Structure formats: C-alpha cells, structure tokens
C-alpha atoms as a PDB file:
ATOM      1  CA  MET A   1       0.000   0.000   0.000  1.00  0.00           C
ATOM      2  CA  ARG A   2       1.087   3.535  -0.720  1.00  0.00           C
ATOM      3  CA  LYS A   3       2.683   5.559   2.051  1.00  0.00           C
ATOM      4  CA  HIS A   4       1.687   9.232   1.858  1.00  0.00           C
ATOM      5  CA  LYS A   5       4.273  11.885   2.537  1.00  0.00           C
ATOM      6  CA  ARG A   6       3.545  13.697   5.766  1.00  0.00           C
ATOM      7  CA  GLN A   7       3.141  17.472   5.572  1.00  0.00           C
ATOM      8  CA  GLN A   8       3.047  19.921   8.452  1.00  0.00           C
ATOM      9  CA  VAL A   9      -0.709  20.282   8.748  1.00  0.00           C
ATOM     10  CA  GLN A  10      -3.135  19.418  11.493  1.00  0.00           C
ATOM     11  CA  ASP A  11      -4.756  16.012  10.933  1.00  0.00           C
ATOM     12  CA  GLU A  12      -8.031  17.536  12.126  1.00  0.00           C
ATOM     13  CA  ASN A  13      -8.187  19.675   8.973  1.00  0.00           C
ATOM     14  CA  ILE A  14      -6.749  17.588   6.165  1.00  0.00           C
ATOM     15  CA  LYS A  15      -8.196  15.871   3.139  1.00  0.00           C
ATOM     16  CA  TYR A  16      -6.780  14.139   0.063  1.00  0.00           C
ATOM     17  CA  THR A  17      -7.469  14.868  -3.579  1.00  0.00           C
ATOM     18  CA  LEU A  18      -9.151  12.067  -5.535  1.00  0.00           C
ATOM     19  CA  ALA A  19      -8.025  13.349  -8.968  1.00  0.00           C
ATOM     20  CA  ASN A  20      -5.882  16.097 -10.455  1.00  0.00           C
ATOM     21  CA  LEU A  21      -7.723  19.122  -9.163  1.00  0.00           C
ATOM     22  CA  ASN A  22      -7.810  22.804 -10.116  1.00  0.00           C
ATOM     23  CA  LEU A  23      -7.157  25.173  -7.224  1.00  0.00           C
ATOM     24  CA  ARG A  24      -9.108  28.342  -8.090  1.00  0.00           C
ATOM     25  CA  ASP A  25      -9.104  31.873  -6.723  1.00  0.00           C
ATOM     26  CA  ALA A  26     -12.900  31.938  -6.267  1.00  0.00           C
ATOM     27  CA  LYS A  27     -15.836  29.554  -5.831  1.00  0.00           C
ATOM     28  CA  SER A  28     -16.564  29.205  -9.525  1.00  0.00           C
ATOM     29  CA  THR A  29     -15.634  26.819 -12.310  1.00  0.00           C
ATOM     30  CA  GLU A  30     -14.892  29.962 -14.351  1.00  0.00           C
ATOM     31  CA  ALA A  31     -12.463  31.382 -11.775  1.00  0.00           C
ATOM     32  CA  LYS A  32      -8.741  31.651 -12.385  1.00  0.00           C
ATOM     33  CA  VAL A  33      -6.751  28.448 -11.827  1.00  0.00           C
ATOM     34  CA  LEU A  34      -3.943  29.125  -9.339  1.00  0.00           C
ATOM     35  CA  THR A  35      -2.362  25.683  -9.706  1.00  0.00           C
ATOM     36  CA  VAL A  36      -3.259  22.066 -10.409  1.00  0.00           C
ATOM     37  CA  ILE A  37      -3.115  19.816  -7.337  1.00  0.00           C
ATOM     38  CA  PRO A  38      -1.995  16.275  -8.226  1.00  0.00           C
ATOM     39  CA  SER A  39      -4.209  13.329  -7.362  1.00  0.00           C
ATOM     40  CA  GLY A  40      -3.469  11.877  -3.926  1.00  0.00           C
ATOM     41  CA  SER A  41      -2.158  15.143  -2.504  1.00  0.00           C
ATOM     42  CA  LYS A  42      -2.840  16.294   1.042  1.00  0.00           C
ATOM     43  CA  VAL A  43      -4.533  19.673   1.467  1.00  0.00           C
ATOM     44  CA  GLN A  44      -5.339  21.699   4.550  1.00  0.00           C
ATOM     45  CA  VAL A  45      -8.982  22.671   4.851  1.00  0.00           C
ATOM     46  CA  VAL A  46      -9.618  26.268   5.904  1.00  0.00           C
ATOM     47  CA  ASP A  47     -13.390  26.279   5.487  1.00  0.00           C
ATOM     48  CA  ALA A  48     -16.111  24.190   3.874  1.00  0.00           C
ATOM     49  CA  GLU A  49     -19.475  24.840   2.280  1.00  0.00           C
ATOM     50  CA  GLU A  50     -21.943  22.780   0.315  1.00  0.00           C
ATOM     51  CA  ASP A  51     -20.120  22.683  -3.033  1.00  0.00           C
ATOM     52  CA  TRP A  52     -16.661  24.116  -2.320  1.00  0.00           C
ATOM     53  CA  TYR A  53     -13.798  23.790   0.128  1.00  0.00           C
ATOM     54  CA  GLU A  54     -11.339  26.575   0.862  1.00  0.00           C
ATOM     55  CA  VAL A  55      -7.950  24.872   1.158  1.00  0.00           C
ATOM     56  CA  ILE A  56      -4.213  25.480   1.324  1.00  0.00           C
ATOM     57  CA  TYR A  57      -1.839  23.492  -0.873  1.00  0.00           C
ATOM     58  CA  ASN A  58       1.911  24.170  -0.928  1.00  0.00           C
ATOM     59  CA  GLY A  59       1.296  27.563   0.667  1.00  0.00           C
ATOM     60  CA  ILE A  60      -1.310  28.587  -1.937  1.00  0.00           C
ATOM     61  CA  GLN A  61      -4.831  29.270  -0.672  1.00  0.00           C
ATOM     62  CA  GLY A  62      -7.856  28.859  -2.914  1.00  0.00           C
ATOM     63  CA  TYR A  63     -11.003  26.872  -3.647  1.00  0.00           C
ATOM     64  CA  VAL A  64     -11.667  23.340  -4.892  1.00  0.00           C
ATOM     65  CA  TYR A  65     -14.873  21.533  -5.773  1.00  0.00           C
ATOM     66  CA  ASN A  66     -15.709  19.205  -2.901  1.00  0.00           C
ATOM     67  CA  GLN A  67     -16.619  16.057  -4.837  1.00  0.00           C
ATOM     68  CA  TYR A  68     -12.927  15.556  -5.665  1.00  0.00           C
ATOM     69  CA  LEU A  69     -11.827  15.434  -2.017  1.00  0.00           C
ATOM     70  CA  SER A  70     -11.810  12.510   0.395  1.00  0.00           C
ATOM     71  CA  LYS A  71     -14.732  12.067   2.796  1.00  0.00           C
ATOM     72  CA  THR A  72     -14.240  12.053   6.553  1.00  0.00           C
ATOM     73  CA  LYS A  73     -15.524   9.020   8.458  1.00  0.00           C
ATOM     74  CA  TYR A  74     -14.924   7.548  11.919  1.00  0.00           C
ATOM     75  CA  THR A  75     -14.677   4.039  13.295  1.00  0.00           C
ATOM     76  CA  TRP A  76     -17.426   3.360  15.828  1.00  0.00           C
ATOM     77  CA  THR A  77     -15.772   0.165  17.082  1.00  0.00           C
ATOM     78  CA  ASN A  78     -12.377  -1.498  16.839  1.00  0.00           C
ATOM     79  CA  ALA A  79     -11.509  -1.879  13.165  1.00  0.00           C
ATOM     80  CA  ALA A  80      -8.639  -3.445  11.254  1.00  0.00           C
ATOM     81  CA  LEU A  81      -6.884  -1.475   8.519  1.00  0.00           C
ATOM     82  CA  ARG A  82      -5.966  -4.117   5.931  1.00  0.00           C
ATOM     83  CA  PRO A  83      -3.689  -3.969   2.862  1.00  0.00           C
ATOM     84  CA  PHE A  84      -6.423  -5.372   0.599  1.00  0.00           C
ATOM     85  CA  ALA A  85     -10.233  -5.581   0.594  1.00  0.00           C
ATOM     86  CA  ASP A  86      -9.977  -9.059   2.078  1.00  0.00           C
ATOM     87  CA  ALA A  87     -10.641 -10.062   5.684  1.00  0.00           C
ATOM     88  CA  THR A  88      -8.058 -12.864   5.477  1.00  0.00           C
ATOM     89  CA  THR A  89      -5.123 -10.472   5.023  1.00  0.00           C
ATOM     90  CA  ASN A  90      -2.988  -9.465   8.002  1.00  0.00           C
ATOM     91  CA  PRO A  91      -3.922  -6.026   9.366  1.00  0.00           C
ATOM     92  CA  ILE A  92      -1.626  -3.072   8.851  1.00  0.00           C
ATOM     93  CA  GLU A  93      -2.928  -1.569  12.085  1.00  0.00           C
ATOM     94  CA  GLU A  94      -5.795  -1.952  14.547  1.00  0.00           C
ATOM     95  CA  LEU A  95      -7.813   1.237  14.913  1.00  0.00           C
ATOM     96  CA  PRO A  96      -9.621   2.068  18.169  1.00  0.00           C
ATOM     97  CA  PRO A  97     -13.171   3.470  18.219  1.00  0.00           C
ATOM     98  CA  LYS A  98     -13.544   7.131  17.160  1.00  0.00           C
ATOM     99  CA  SER A  99     -10.516   6.981  14.842  1.00  0.00           C
ATOM    100  CA  LYS A 100     -10.788   9.477  11.985  1.00  0.00           C
ATOM    101  CA  VAL A 101     -10.110   8.214   8.461  1.00  0.00           C
ATOM    102  CA  GLN A 102     -10.266   9.793   5.015  1.00  0.00           C
ATOM    103  CA  VAL A 103     -12.280   7.705   2.562  1.00  0.00           C
ATOM    104  CA  LEU A 104     -10.905   7.666  -0.993  1.00  0.00           C
ATOM    105  CA  GLY A 105     -13.447   5.275  -2.482  1.00  0.00           C
ATOM    106  CA  THR A 106     -15.123   1.904  -2.083  1.00  0.00           C
ATOM    107  CA  VAL A 107     -14.497  -1.606  -3.353  1.00  0.00           C
ATOM    108  CA  GLY A 108     -17.616  -3.690  -2.794  1.00  0.00           C
ATOM    109  CA  ASP A 109     -18.279  -3.716   0.959  1.00  0.00           C
ATOM    110  CA  TRP A 110     -14.894  -2.162   1.761  1.00  0.00           C
ATOM    111  CA  SER A 111     -13.778   1.468   2.044  1.00  0.00           C
ATOM    112  CA  ARG A 112     -10.335   2.481   0.777  1.00  0.00           C
ATOM    113  CA  VAL A 113      -9.032   4.892   3.403  1.00  0.00           C
ATOM    114  CA  ILE A 114      -6.027   6.783   4.725  1.00  0.00           C
ATOM    115  CA  TYR A 115      -5.277   6.673   8.438  1.00  0.00           C
ATOM    116  CA  ASN A 116      -2.122   8.221   9.906  1.00  0.00           C
ATOM    117  CA  ASP A 117      -0.749   8.518   6.354  1.00  0.00           C
ATOM    118  CA  GLN A 118      -1.253   4.791   5.767  1.00  0.00           C
ATOM    119  CA  GLU A 119      -3.536   3.663   2.961  1.00  0.00           C
ATOM    120  CA  GLY A 120      -5.586   0.489   3.295  1.00  0.00           C
ATOM    121  CA  TYR A 121      -9.087  -0.961   3.539  1.00  0.00           C
ATOM    122  CA  ILE A 122     -11.688  -1.041   6.302  1.00  0.00           C
ATOM    123  CA  PHE A 123     -14.957  -2.956   6.185  1.00  0.00           C
ATOM    124  CA  SER A 124     -17.474  -0.194   5.497  1.00  0.00           C
ATOM    125  CA  VAL A 125     -20.044  -1.135   8.139  1.00  0.00           C
ATOM    126  CA  LEU A 126     -17.450  -0.300  10.816  1.00  0.00           C
ATOM    127  CA  LEU A 127     -17.480   3.375   9.777  1.00  0.00           C
ATOM    128  CA  SER A 128     -19.989   6.101  10.555  1.00  0.00           C
ATOM    129  CA  ASP A 129     -20.356   9.854  10.047  1.00  0.00           C
ATOM    130  CA  ASP A 130     -20.075  10.729  13.745  1.00  0.00           C
ATOM    131  CA  GLY A 131     -18.055   7.944  15.379  1.00  0.00           C
ATOM    132  CA  ASN A 132     -21.120   6.492  17.082  1.00  0.00           C
ATOM    133  CA  GLN A 133     -22.603   3.100  16.372  1.00  0.00           C
ATOM    134  CA  PRO A 134     -25.319   3.352  13.719  1.00  0.00           C
ATOM    135  CA  TYR A 135     -28.777   2.820  15.130  1.00  0.00           C
ATOM    136  CA  GLU A 136     -27.593   3.308  18.705  1.00  0.00           C
ATOM    137  CA  TYR A 137     -30.989   4.808  19.573  1.00  0.00           C
ATOM    138  CA  ASP A 138     -34.295   2.972  19.729  1.00  0.00           C
ATOM    139  CA  PHE A 139     -35.914   4.253  16.525  1.00  0.00           C
ATOM    140  CA  GLN A 140     -39.328   2.664  17.097  1.00  0.00           C
ATOM    141  CA  TYR A 141     -41.094   6.045  17.201  1.00  0.00           C
ATOM    142  CA  PHE A 142     -38.750   8.083  15.017  1.00  0.00           C
ATOM    143  CA  ASN A 143     -41.114   8.147  12.032  1.00  0.00           C
ATOM    144  CA  THR A 144     -44.359   8.396  14.004  1.00  0.00           C
ATOM    145  CA  ASP A 145     -43.798  10.312  17.254  1.00  0.00           C
ATOM    146  CA  MET A 146     -40.633  12.415  17.378  1.00  0.00           C
ATOM    147  CA  VAL A 147     -41.450  13.804  20.838  1.00  0.00           C
ATOM    148  CA  ARG A 148     -41.593  10.292  22.235  1.00  0.00           C
ATOM    149  CA  PHE A 149     -38.396   9.342  20.383  1.00  0.00           C
ATOM    150  CA  VAL A 150     -36.275  12.140  21.889  1.00  0.00           C
ATOM    151  CA  ASN A 151     -37.647  11.681  25.409  1.00  0.00           C
ATOM    152  CA  ASP A 152     -37.644   7.860  25.470  1.00  0.00           C
ATOM    153  CA  ASN A 153     -33.990   7.936  24.365  1.00  0.00           C
ATOM    154  CA  ASN A 154     -33.167  10.661  26.908  1.00  0.00           C
ATOM    155  CA  ILE A 155     -31.211  12.586  24.274  1.00  0.00           C
ATOM    156  CA  LYS A 156     -28.911  15.169  25.804  1.00  0.00           C
ATOM    157  CA  SER A 157     -28.011  18.627  24.464  1.00  0.00           C
ATOM    158  CA  PRO A 158     -25.595  21.143  26.023  1.00  0.00           C
ATOM    159  CA  THR A 159     -28.126  23.933  25.352  1.00  0.00           C
ATOM    160  CA  ASN A 160     -31.858  24.404  25.856  1.00  0.00           C
ATOM    161  CA  ASN A 161     -32.579  23.349  22.273  1.00  0.00           C
ATOM    162  CA  LEU A 162     -32.402  20.121  20.301  1.00  0.00           C
ATOM    163  CA  ILE A 163     -32.794  19.637  16.534  1.00  0.00           C
ATOM    164  CA  THR A 164     -33.756  16.405  14.795  1.00  0.00           C
ATOM    165  CA  THR A 165     -34.209  15.689  11.090  1.00  0.00           C
ATOM    166  CA  ASN A 166     -36.032  12.701   9.651  1.00  0.00           C
ATOM    167  CA  LEU A 167     -34.486  12.000   6.241  1.00  0.00           C
ATOM    168  CA  GLN A 168     -37.226   9.587   5.216  1.00  0.00           C
ATOM    169  CA  ASN A 169     -40.121  11.942   5.953  1.00  0.00           C
ATOM    170  CA  ARG A 170     -37.974  15.046   5.167  1.00  0.00           C
ATOM    171  CA  LEU A 171     -39.003  16.868   8.297  1.00  0.00           C
ATOM    172  CA  THR A 172     -36.932  18.922  10.746  1.00  0.00           C
ATOM    173  CA  TYR A 173     -38.025  19.333  14.378  1.00  0.00           C
ATOM    174  CA  ILE A 174     -37.038  22.003  16.899  1.00  0.00           C
ATOM    175  CA  PHE A 175     -37.307  21.195  20.615  1.00  0.00           C
ATOM    176  CA  VAL A 176     -36.949  23.273  23.761  1.00  0.00           C
ATOM    177  CA  LYS A 177     -36.147  21.956  27.224  1.00  0.00           C
ATOM    178  CA  GLY A 178     -39.285  22.005  29.366  1.00  0.00           C
ATOM    179  CA  GLU A 179     -40.295  20.937  32.849  1.00  0.00           C
ATOM    180  CA  ASN A 180     -38.396  18.000  34.358  1.00  0.00           C
ATOM    181  CA  ASN A 181     -35.866  18.400  31.523  1.00  0.00           C
ATOM    182  CA  ASN A 182     -38.268  16.814  29.031  1.00  0.00           C
ATOM    183  CA  TRP A 183     -38.116  17.982  25.428  1.00  0.00           C
ATOM    184  CA  GLU A 184     -41.117  19.966  24.170  1.00  0.00           C
ATOM    185  CA  LEU A 185     -41.754  20.375  20.448  1.00  0.00           C
ATOM    186  CA  LEU A 186     -41.595  23.965  19.217  1.00  0.00           C
ATOM    187  CA  TYR A 187     -41.663  23.505  15.423  1.00  0.00           C
ATOM    188  CA  GLU A 188     -42.003  20.859  12.740  1.00  0.00           C
ATOM    189  CA  TRP A 189     -40.813  21.986   9.288  1.00  0.00           C
ATOM    190  CA  SER A 190     -40.654  20.444   5.848  1.00  0.00           C
ATOM    191  CA  CYS A 191     -37.119  20.286   4.477  1.00  0.00           C
ATOM    192  CA  THR A 192     -35.109  19.135   1.464  1.00  0.00           C
ATOM    193  CA  VAL A 193     -32.252  16.707   2.102  1.00  0.00           C
ATOM    194  CA  GLY A 194     -29.336  15.195   0.189  1.00  0.00           C
ATOM    195  CA  LYS A 195     -29.914  13.243  -3.005  1.00  0.00           C
ATOM    196  CA  PRO A 196     -28.790   9.587  -3.129  1.00  0.00           C
ATOM    197  CA  SER A 197     -25.452  10.434  -4.771  1.00  0.00           C
ATOM    198  CA  THR A 198     -24.659  13.140  -2.163  1.00  0.00           C
ATOM    199  CA  PRO A 199     -26.542  12.025   0.953  1.00  0.00           C
ATOM    200  CA  THR A 200     -26.989  13.990   4.148  1.00  0.00           C
ATOM    201  CA  ILE A 201     -24.812  12.666   6.960  1.00  0.00           C
ATOM    202  CA  ILE A 202     -26.432  10.468   9.614  1.00  0.00           C
ATOM    203  CA  GLY A 203     -25.666  10.554  13.318  1.00  0.00           C
ATOM    204  CA  THR A 204     -25.454  12.874  16.311  1.00  0.00           C
ATOM    205  CA  PHE A 205     -23.743  16.212  15.769  1.00  0.00           C
ATOM    206  CA  TYR A 206     -23.410  19.593  17.480  1.00  0.00           C
ATOM    207  CA  VAL A 207     -23.928  23.060  15.972  1.00  0.00           C
ATOM    208  CA  SER A 208     -20.498  24.462  15.163  1.00  0.00           C
ATOM    209  CA  GLY A 209     -20.911  27.952  13.738  1.00  0.00           C
ATOM    210  CA  ARG A 210     -22.934  29.850  11.155  1.00  0.00           C
ATOM    211  CA  LYS A 211     -22.692  32.112   8.122  1.00  0.00           C
ATOM    212  CA  PRO A 212     -25.154  34.747   6.944  1.00  0.00           C
ATOM    213  CA  TYR A 213     -24.841  33.335   3.431  1.00  0.00           C
ATOM    214  CA  PHE A 214     -22.631  31.421   1.025  1.00  0.00           C
ATOM    215  CA  GLY A 215     -22.786  30.356  -2.598  1.00  0.00           C
ATOM    216  CA  THR A 216     -21.201  30.357  -6.022  1.00  0.00           C
ATOM    217  CA  ASP A 217     -21.650  32.294  -9.242  1.00  0.00           C
ATOM    218  CA  ASN A 218     -24.829  30.244  -9.798  1.00  0.00           C
ATOM    219  CA  TYR A 219     -26.671  30.459  -6.477  1.00  0.00           C
ATOM    220  CA  ARG A 220     -26.684  31.736  -2.913  1.00  0.00           C
ATOM    221  CA  VAL A 221     -28.147  30.312   0.303  1.00  0.00           C
ATOM    222  CA  LYS A 222     -28.879  32.326   3.432  1.00  0.00           C
ATOM    223  CA  TYR A 223     -28.887  31.766   7.203  1.00  0.00           C
ATOM    224  CA  ALA A 224     -26.501  28.805   7.186  1.00  0.00           C
ATOM    225  CA  THR A 225     -26.010  26.974  10.501  1.00  0.00           C
ATOM    226  CA  ARG A 226     -23.245  24.366  10.430  1.00  0.00           C
ATOM    227  CA  ILE A 227     -24.066  20.769  11.296  1.00  0.00           C
ATOM    228  CA  LYS A 228     -20.563  19.458  10.609  1.00  0.00           C
ATOM    229  CA  GLY A 229     -17.889  20.184   8.008  1.00  0.00           C
ATOM    230  CA  SER A 230     -19.581  21.247   4.784  1.00  0.00           C
ATOM    231  CA  TYR A 231     -23.087  20.263   5.961  1.00  0.00           C
ATOM    232  CA  TYR A 232     -25.491  23.012   7.013  1.00  0.00           C
ATOM    233  CA  TYR A 233     -29.091  23.858   7.714  1.00  0.00           C
ATOM    234  CA  HIS A 234     -29.762  26.740   5.332  1.00  0.00           C
ATOM    235  CA  SER A 235     -32.395  28.446   3.230  1.00  0.00           C
ATOM    236  CA  ILE A 236     -33.791  27.446  -0.139  1.00  0.00           C
ATOM    237  CA  LEU A 237     -31.796  28.643  -3.146  1.00  0.00           C
ATOM    238  CA  PHE A 238     -31.471  32.275  -4.260  1.00  0.00           C
ATOM    239  CA  ASN A 239     -29.750  33.693  -7.320  1.00  0.00           C
ATOM    240  CA  ALA A 240     -26.076  34.574  -6.903  1.00  0.00           C
ATOM    241  CA  ALA A 241     -26.933  38.133  -5.820  1.00  0.00           C
ATOM    242  CA  GLY A 242     -29.343  36.868  -3.172  1.00  0.00           C
ATOM    243  CA  THR A 243     -32.210  38.979  -4.501  1.00  0.00           C
ATOM    244  CA  GLU A 244     -34.511  36.351  -5.991  1.00  0.00           C
ATOM    245  CA  ILE A 245     -35.510  32.802  -5.051  1.00  0.00           C
ATOM    246  CA  ILE A 246     -34.626  30.372  -7.845  1.00  0.00           C
ATOM    247  CA  ASN A 247     -35.594  27.069  -6.213  1.00  0.00           C
ATOM    248  CA  ASP A 248     -38.036  26.832  -3.305  1.00  0.00           C
ATOM    249  CA  THR A 249     -38.506  23.052  -3.389  1.00  0.00           C
ATOM    250  CA  LEU A 250     -39.014  21.413   0.002  1.00  0.00           C
ATOM    251  CA  GLY A 251     -39.837  17.846   0.959  1.00  0.00           C
ATOM    252  CA  GLU A 252     -37.487  16.275  -1.601  1.00  0.00           C
ATOM    253  CA  ALA A 253     -34.066  14.594  -1.702  1.00  0.00           C
ATOM    254  CA  LEU A 254     -32.052  16.714  -4.156  1.00  0.00           C
ATOM    255  CA  SER A 255     -29.417  18.763  -2.300  1.00  0.00           C
ATOM    256  CA  HIS A 256     -25.653  18.182  -2.198  1.00  0.00           C
ATOM    257  CA  GLY A 257     -26.027  17.013   1.414  1.00  0.00           C
ATOM    258  CA  CYS A 258     -27.140  20.154   3.229  1.00  0.00           C
ATOM    259  CA  ILE A 259     -30.655  20.476   4.664  1.00  0.00           C
ATOM    260  CA  ARG A 260     -32.705  23.224   3.021  1.00  0.00           C
ATOM    261  CA  LEU A 261     -35.484  25.008   4.870  1.00  0.00           C
ATOM    262  CA  ALA A 262     -37.923  27.807   4.158  1.00  0.00           C
ATOM    263  CA  VAL A 263     -36.148  31.141   4.569  1.00  0.00           C
ATOM    264  CA  GLU A 264     -37.945  32.078   7.792  1.00  0.00           C
ATOM    265  CA  ASN A 265     -37.206  28.663   9.331  1.00  0.00           C
ATOM    266  CA  ALA A 266     -33.518  28.730   8.417  1.00  0.00           C
ATOM    267  CA  GLN A 267     -33.349  32.235   9.898  1.00  0.00           C
ATOM    268  CA  TRP A 268     -34.994  31.066  13.120  1.00  0.00           C
ATOM    269  CA  ILE A 269     -32.272  28.438  13.643  1.00  0.00           C
ATOM    270  CA  TYR A 270     -29.570  30.959  12.653  1.00  0.00           C
ATOM    271  CA  ASP A 271     -30.861  33.580  15.106  1.00  0.00           C
ATOM    272  CA  ASN A 272     -31.912  31.404  18.049  1.00  0.00           C
ATOM    273  CA  VAL A 273     -30.059  28.087  18.234  1.00  0.00           C
ATOM    274  CA  LEU A 274     -26.744  28.309  20.082  1.00  0.00           C
ATOM    275  CA  ASP A 275     -23.471  26.677  19.133  1.00  0.00           C
ATOM    276  CA  ALA A 276     -23.040  23.189  20.684  1.00  0.00           C
ATOM    277  CA  THR A 277     -26.773  22.423  20.367  1.00  0.00           C
ATOM    278  CA  ALA A 278     -27.262  18.707  19.685  1.00  0.00           C
ATOM    279  CA  ILE A 279     -28.544  17.528  16.292  1.00  0.00           C
ATOM    280  CA  VAL A 280     -29.828  14.025  15.520  1.00  0.00           C
ATOM    281  CA  ILE A 281     -30.203  13.105  11.842  1.00  0.00           C
ATOM    282  CA  PHE A 282     -31.450   9.759  10.618  1.00  0.00           C
END
C-alpha cells in the first residue's frame, strides 16, 4: 500500500485529492486556476461549504470543488486497517473506536481509506459519520412520534434546544427543554435533504458555527447553521446576488447534502439556536 508523505498540517483539517484538481481563486468553475493539485495530494482545509472547500496546498490558498476530495468518516468500534479488501489479510494496524479516516473510495463492501498517512481498507459497516454506532438509539417512534423518540432515548443537548431531522419523511423538528428536563416540540418543518449520490450525513452532531450566506456564481443560500464540516441547515436557493428565489422546493431529496429550509425557518435556527446544540439526523 502507498505511504503518503507527511506534511506539516493538522490532521483535524486535512483531506486528500481524488483526482488532479484545479485550485481556483474563487468559488466558480470559471475562476482563475492558481495551480493544479496532483491526485493523492494532502490539502489543509480552511473552510467548507456545500459545493466548495477553501484549502491550502503548498502555501497557496484557494477553492476546490468538494466532490474531488476525500470524505471524513470515523470508526465506531475497533476496526482493522488491511492492505487489501480481504478479511483474510494481516492487518496493517488496529484502529480504536472514534478513529478518523479519510475515505478515498469503495471496493464492494470495503472502504479504501487513509489513516495516519497509511492507505488500506476497512470494512465499510465499521465506519460512521459521527463515530457512534449506527442505530444506537431505539428508533421505534422516530417516524411516528418524534417527541416520544427524543424523550424515550433521553437525548442530551448542552443547550436548551435540540434539533432532529427525519431524512425519510424530510421533516426537521425544533425542541426546547421544558419541565423535568423533558423535550417539548416547538416547530415541525418540511425540508429538502441530500440526493442519493450526495446524501446527508447520519448521526449525532453539534452546531459548530454559522454564516449569513454562502454560494457560487450560480446560487446563494442564506442563514446557514453548520451541522458538521460542509453540511449546514440553510435556506432554499437564491440567485447569486441573493435577490430572488430560484428554487423553493421542500420535501425532496435533491441537495448536495445540506438540509434546506424555508427562509424564515432557516433564519430562526440561525438567530436562536446556540453553538453546541445537539442535532440528531437519521
């Protein structure tokens, strides 16, 4: 297996290119190309949005389209990193739970990953978006009674709010902490989620910042509250100037992974939900 040259970047903020990739000076496929990053190169992530990552490569800062970068996953249990997609091969290394890996692609039921600059294969079911075991909650009432789901599972949040999103029903719920620390439902909103080729992440996450807007030369979204990495709750789509709605579709699976809401609902989260608020998406 290939050994990747270590660069002086924080592992928390690195990804790998999946192909030769144009580093541009703006978030547009028409923007000036600053350099071409070779396939398999390590880049430092400065910021991330739905379509684009702001990165540094060899001291040059610019923008790359996110589909050509590795995807971050975590082991939720002990997992063997193997030299081939074959459980009979001797492991390169044993990874403990919560280990972060960069996924380069898949081969059948195996994920080709990089961990500590070592490339190998991990059985895909041992990976999750948040480092927690998939289906760790009792989901009996998730599709029928969200209030009962959050209270029966005693879901904790560091703040007085909790957000859940049901990807099947395409609904987002806002809770507030009530008497006896039970969760009380404030709002239930229709939302649009990731399409099958760019799915919304699943797991438990915590609000980690916000932006008044972001976009490209083709569109803009407003009131963006970060779920994790390049995944946000944000508004429906506006034109690039932000003056006119160009796509107000809700209740569908067609985004690049973010969760779209009506403008007033996205703004409510942006204005009222504090950083570190828990989010459950399934």
